[in-house]
Amino acid sequence: KWQDAFDRGNDLFANQQRGRVMIDPATGQQVRMQQPLENRLFSAKIKLHGTNAGIQTDGEGNFVTQSRNRLLSTSSKSSDNNGFCAWVHKNLSLGWNQITKHVVLFGEFVGPGIFNDACARLPERMLFIFAVLDVERDIYHFLPDDILGFVQPIIAANPGAAKLLHVLPEITTGSRGVVFTEKFYFGASPDVRADWETKTNKLMSEIVMPMEKQDPYIMRKFGIDGPGEGIVVFANTWNGLEYQTLMFKM
């Protein structure tokens, strides 16, 4: 919820400021610095109705599959997640030696048999990447073009992968396809919280609620009608802690 992201953000920025002091030039005494009003620019991506899935590669050509919290294998049905591990080894097993960093590709695994909405009406199961984590530097790549740099070698190396592996775009508004962005502020003032409520209410009414009838991304890309799940709103920051802390779903 946006309320959770708001509270987490306030805690994060308050902790960063806590203990910082300066010298008052008039008295020569140490005084605690006044906490500035922090802000971050946010954008959003469609939240596809699938199962959270990831592919981790060590930068030396080896890879493993994972769900949100555990590594997967094909040793048994319970050790996999909706067949994702088996699907990756069948369709995306090549090209990992082209990625020379320790990264995790995070995405939604969707398609027939995984929930029941527009994604379930796709002709086959697919993986949609929404972020890439640089593990060693704790940096998240969220811009579609940056993510494509990691995905493209895998698409090129595996026959048929162009139909199965995709990069989620940022949500656009209006007929000109302008990427949605909004600046959210953090602070204890009631006015700041009210500003969040105003902006998230607008997101809910203009983007999220219409998805009860139709997922705009699946319709635009595949011509498939059906309901969607919602959106993920995230701060435009590469810092791993901030990226995860400030994200929220609607």
Protein backbone atom coordinates (compact mmCIF):
# COMPACT_ATOMS: atom_id res chain seq x y z
CA LYS A 1 0.00 0.00 0.00
CA TRP A 2 1.11 3.57 -0.56
CA GLN A 3 0.70 4.25 3.16
CA ASP A 4 3.34 1.62 3.94
CA ALA A 5 5.79 3.08 1.41
CA PHE A 6 5.16 6.54 2.85
CA ASP A 7 5.88 5.37 6.40
CA ARG A 8 8.93 3.33 5.35
CA GLY A 9 10.31 6.30 3.42
CA ASN A 10 9.88 8.62 6.38
CA ASP A 11 11.68 6.13 8.64
CA LEU A 12 14.49 5.71 6.10
CA PHE A 13 15.15 9.41 5.63
CA ALA A 14 14.76 10.19 9.35
CA ASN A 15 17.41 7.56 10.15
CA GLN A 16 19.75 9.04 7.55
CA GLN A 17 19.45 12.46 9.20
CA ARG A 18 19.55 11.30 12.81
CA GLY A 19 22.79 12.19 14.54
CA ARG A 20 23.99 14.70 11.95
CA VAL A 21 25.23 17.88 13.58
CA MET A 22 26.71 21.21 12.54
CA ILE A 23 28.53 24.04 14.30
CA ASP A 24 26.42 27.12 14.92
CA PRO A 25 28.70 29.96 13.74
CA ALA A 26 27.10 32.39 16.22
CA THR A 27 27.69 30.29 19.35
CA GLY A 28 30.31 27.76 18.31
CA GLN A 29 28.07 25.03 19.72
CA GLN A 30 27.07 21.79 18.05
CA VAL A 31 23.42 21.73 16.95
CA ARG A 32 21.41 19.01 15.28
CA MET A 33 20.78 19.67 11.62
CA GLN A 34 17.17 20.32 10.64
CA GLN A 35 15.83 17.42 8.64
CA PRO A 36 15.15 18.55 5.05
CA LEU A 37 12.02 17.54 3.19
CA GLU A 38 13.11 14.58 1.06
CA ASN A 39 11.52 13.83 -2.31
CA ARG A 40 11.88 11.25 -5.02
CA LEU A 41 10.59 11.04 -8.59
CA PHE A 42 8.36 8.01 -9.13
CA SER A 43 7.13 6.17 -12.21
CA ALA A 44 5.14 2.95 -12.63
CA LYS A 45 4.86 -0.34 -14.49
CA ILE A 46 1.96 -2.71 -15.05
CA LYS A 47 1.71 -5.44 -12.40
CA LEU A 48 1.04 -8.54 -14.48
CA HIS A 49 -0.96 -11.27 -12.77
CA GLY A 50 1.60 -14.04 -12.65
CA THR A 51 4.07 -15.60 -10.27
CA ASN A 52 7.21 -13.80 -9.17
CA ALA A 53 10.21 -15.33 -10.90
CA GLY A 54 13.90 -14.59 -11.25
CA ILE A 55 17.00 -15.82 -13.04
CA GLN A 56 20.32 -15.30 -11.26
CA THR A 57 23.60 -15.56 -13.12
CA ASP A 58 27.07 -15.38 -11.60
CA GLY A 59 28.83 -13.52 -14.42
CA GLU A 60 30.64 -16.68 -15.51
CA GLY A 61 27.90 -18.30 -17.58
CA ASN A 62 26.16 -20.21 -14.78
CA PHE A 63 22.57 -19.51 -13.82
CA VAL A 64 19.89 -20.60 -11.35
CA THR A 65 16.17 -19.91 -11.21
CA GLN A 66 14.33 -18.57 -8.20
CA SER A 67 10.96 -17.49 -6.92
CA ARG A 68 10.62 -14.52 -4.58
CA ASN A 69 12.23 -16.32 -1.63
CA ARG A 70 13.81 -19.61 -2.74
CA LEU A 71 15.95 -21.27 -5.37
CA LEU A 72 14.12 -23.63 -7.73
CA SER A 73 14.97 -26.96 -9.28
CA THR A 74 13.37 -29.59 -11.50
CA SER A 75 13.94 -32.43 -9.04
CA SER A 76 10.26 -32.47 -8.06
CA LYS A 77 7.07 -30.55 -8.69
CA SER A 78 7.23 -28.96 -5.25
CA SER A 79 10.79 -27.74 -5.81
CA ASP A 80 9.74 -25.77 -8.89
CA ASN A 81 7.28 -22.87 -9.13
CA ASN A 82 4.54 -23.37 -11.73
CA GLY A 83 7.16 -25.14 -13.86
CA PHE A 84 9.29 -22.00 -14.18
CA CYS A 85 12.65 -23.71 -13.66
CA ALA A 86 11.88 -26.36 -16.28
CA TRP A 87 10.57 -23.67 -18.66
CA VAL A 88 13.80 -21.64 -18.37
CA HIS A 89 16.03 -24.66 -18.98
CA LYS A 90 13.95 -25.57 -22.03
CA ASN A 91 13.66 -22.11 -23.57
CA LEU A 92 16.39 -19.81 -22.17
CA SER A 93 19.37 -22.01 -21.39
CA LEU A 94 21.86 -20.28 -23.71
CA GLY A 95 23.66 -16.94 -23.75
CA TRP A 96 24.32 -16.49 -20.04
CA ASN A 97 28.08 -16.33 -20.67
CA GLN A 98 27.40 -13.00 -22.41
CA ILE A 99 26.39 -11.43 -19.08
CA THR A 100 29.62 -10.70 -17.21
CA LYS A 101 28.14 -9.43 -13.92
CA HIS A 102 26.48 -11.18 -10.98
CA VAL A 103 22.88 -10.11 -11.56
CA VAL A 104 19.32 -11.23 -10.95
CA LEU A 105 16.66 -10.69 -13.62
CA PHE A 106 13.35 -10.20 -11.81
CA GLY A 107 10.07 -10.71 -13.62
CA GLU A 108 6.54 -12.09 -13.74
CA PHE A 109 6.02 -15.57 -15.17
CA VAL A 110 2.57 -15.59 -16.78
CA GLY A 111 0.45 -17.57 -19.17
CA PRO A 112 -2.02 -20.45 -19.41
CA GLY A 113 -2.64 -22.15 -16.09
CA ILE A 114 -1.21 -19.29 -13.99
CA PHE A 115 -4.18 -17.42 -12.48
CA ASN A 116 -7.15 -16.34 -14.59
CA ASP A 117 -7.07 -12.98 -16.33
CA ALA A 118 -5.78 -11.44 -19.57
CA CYS A 119 -2.33 -13.03 -19.10
CA ALA A 120 -3.88 -16.48 -18.79
CA ARG A 121 -5.20 -16.03 -22.35
CA LEU A 122 -1.73 -15.68 -23.85
CA PRO A 123 -0.91 -18.43 -26.38
CA GLU A 124 1.95 -19.74 -24.20
CA ARG A 125 3.82 -18.99 -21.00
CA MET A 126 6.12 -15.95 -21.03
CA LEU A 127 8.50 -14.06 -18.75
CA PHE A 128 8.27 -10.28 -18.41
CA ILE A 129 11.33 -8.65 -16.78
CA PHE A 130 10.67 -5.53 -14.68
CA ALA A 131 14.05 -4.99 -12.94
CA VAL A 132 17.62 -6.25 -12.83
CA LEU A 133 19.65 -6.31 -9.61
CA ASP A 134 23.42 -5.86 -9.75
CA VAL A 135 24.15 -8.01 -6.70
CA GLU A 136 27.68 -6.82 -5.95
CA ARG A 137 26.86 -3.11 -6.09
CA ASP A 138 23.26 -3.40 -4.77
CA ILE A 139 22.00 -1.37 -7.73
CA TYR A 140 18.64 -1.88 -9.41
CA HIS A 141 18.27 -1.26 -13.13
CA PHE A 142 14.68 -0.24 -13.77
CA LEU A 143 14.80 1.66 -17.08
CA PRO A 144 13.56 -0.59 -19.93
CA ASP A 145 16.51 0.20 -22.20
CA ASP A 146 18.99 -0.71 -19.43
CA ILE A 147 17.16 -3.96 -18.75
CA LEU A 148 17.15 -4.80 -22.45
CA GLY A 149 20.94 -4.71 -22.39
CA PHE A 150 20.87 -7.77 -20.10
CA VAL A 151 17.95 -9.49 -21.83
CA GLN A 152 18.99 -9.09 -25.47
CA PRO A 153 21.91 -11.60 -25.37
CA ILE A 154 19.55 -14.26 -24.03
CA ILE A 155 16.97 -13.52 -26.71
CA ALA A 156 19.64 -13.67 -29.41
CA ALA A 157 21.07 -16.98 -28.21
CA ASN A 158 17.84 -18.97 -27.82
CA PRO A 159 15.64 -19.77 -30.84
CA GLY A 160 12.09 -18.54 -30.30
CA ALA A 161 13.00 -16.53 -27.18
CA ALA A 162 11.86 -13.25 -28.76
CA LYS A 163 8.27 -14.47 -28.34
CA LEU A 164 8.78 -15.60 -24.74
CA LEU A 165 11.05 -13.08 -23.01
CA HIS A 166 9.94 -9.45 -22.74
CA VAL A 167 10.84 -6.24 -20.90
CA LEU A 168 7.99 -4.42 -19.19
CA PRO A 169 7.77 -0.77 -20.25
CA GLU A 170 6.99 2.13 -17.96
CA ILE A 171 3.39 3.29 -17.92
CA THR A 172 2.64 6.13 -20.30
CA THR A 173 -0.13 8.68 -20.10
CA GLY A 174 -1.99 10.41 -22.90
CA SER A 175 -2.01 9.76 -26.61
CA ARG A 176 1.61 10.96 -27.06
CA GLY A 177 3.03 8.11 -25.02
CA VAL A 178 4.71 10.27 -22.38
CA VAL A 179 6.09 8.22 -19.47
CA PHE A 180 4.14 8.82 -16.27
CA THR A 181 6.25 10.50 -13.57
CA GLU A 182 5.25 12.09 -10.29
CA LYS A 183 7.30 13.64 -7.50
CA PHE A 184 6.43 12.35 -4.03
CA TYR A 185 7.67 14.11 -0.89
CA PHE A 186 8.46 12.63 2.52
CA GLY A 187 7.94 14.35 5.86
CA ALA A 188 5.85 14.47 9.02
CA SER A 189 3.57 17.26 7.85
CA PRO A 190 -0.11 16.35 7.30
CA ASP A 191 0.11 18.29 4.04
CA VAL A 192 2.72 15.83 2.74
CA ARG A 193 0.53 12.83 3.52
CA ALA A 194 -2.47 14.57 1.95
CA ASP A 195 -0.42 15.15 -1.20
CA TRP A 196 0.30 11.39 -1.40
CA GLU A 197 -3.39 10.65 -0.99
CA THR A 198 -4.36 13.06 -3.76
CA LYS A 199 -1.81 11.65 -6.19
CA THR A 200 -2.52 7.99 -5.44
CA ASN A 201 -6.29 8.55 -5.70
CA LYS A 202 -5.70 9.95 -9.17
CA LEU A 203 -3.61 6.91 -10.11
CA MET A 204 -6.31 4.62 -8.79
CA SER A 205 -9.14 6.26 -10.71
CA GLU A 206 -7.31 6.89 -13.99
CA ILE A 207 -5.13 3.78 -14.35
CA VAL A 208 -5.87 1.05 -11.80
CA MET A 209 -9.67 0.87 -11.70
CA PRO A 210 -10.06 0.59 -15.51
CA MET A 211 -7.84 -2.50 -15.33
CA GLU A 212 -10.70 -4.38 -13.67
CA LYS A 213 -12.07 -4.60 -17.21
CA GLN A 214 -8.94 -4.60 -19.35
CA ASP A 215 -5.18 -4.89 -18.99
CA PRO A 216 -4.02 -2.08 -21.34
CA TYR A 217 -0.53 -3.51 -21.86
CA ILE A 218 -1.64 -7.03 -22.79
CA MET A 219 -4.30 -5.58 -25.10
CA ARG A 220 -1.84 -3.23 -26.79
CA LYS A 221 0.96 -5.76 -27.21
CA PHE A 222 -0.98 -8.95 -27.95
CA GLY A 223 -4.54 -7.84 -28.78
CA ILE A 224 -5.88 -9.96 -25.92
CA ASP A 225 -8.83 -8.67 -23.91
CA GLY A 226 -9.28 -9.36 -20.23
CA PRO A 227 -8.79 -7.88 -16.75
CA GLY A 228 -5.45 -6.94 -15.26
CA GLU A 229 -4.12 -6.85 -11.70
CA GLY A 230 -2.81 -3.35 -11.08
CA ILE A 231 0.41 -1.35 -11.13
CA VAL A 232 3.72 -1.12 -9.26
CA VAL A 233 4.86 2.42 -8.43
CA PHE A 234 8.56 2.83 -7.74
CA ALA A 235 11.09 5.56 -7.04
CA ASN A 236 13.49 6.33 -9.86
CA THR A 237 16.56 5.41 -7.82
CA TRP A 238 19.29 2.87 -8.49
CA ASN A 239 20.06 2.53 -4.76
CA GLY A 240 18.93 -0.96 -3.79
CA LEU A 241 17.65 -0.04 -0.33
CA GLU A 242 15.63 2.94 -1.57
CA TYR A 243 14.28 1.07 -4.60
CA GLN A 244 12.85 -1.71 -2.42
CA THR A 245 11.77 0.49 0.50
CA LEU A 246 9.84 3.08 -1.50
CA MET A 247 8.05 0.73 -3.90
CA PHE A 248 4.33 0.11 -3.54
CA LYS A 249 1.57 -1.72 -5.41
CA MET A 250 -1.92 -0.58 -6.30
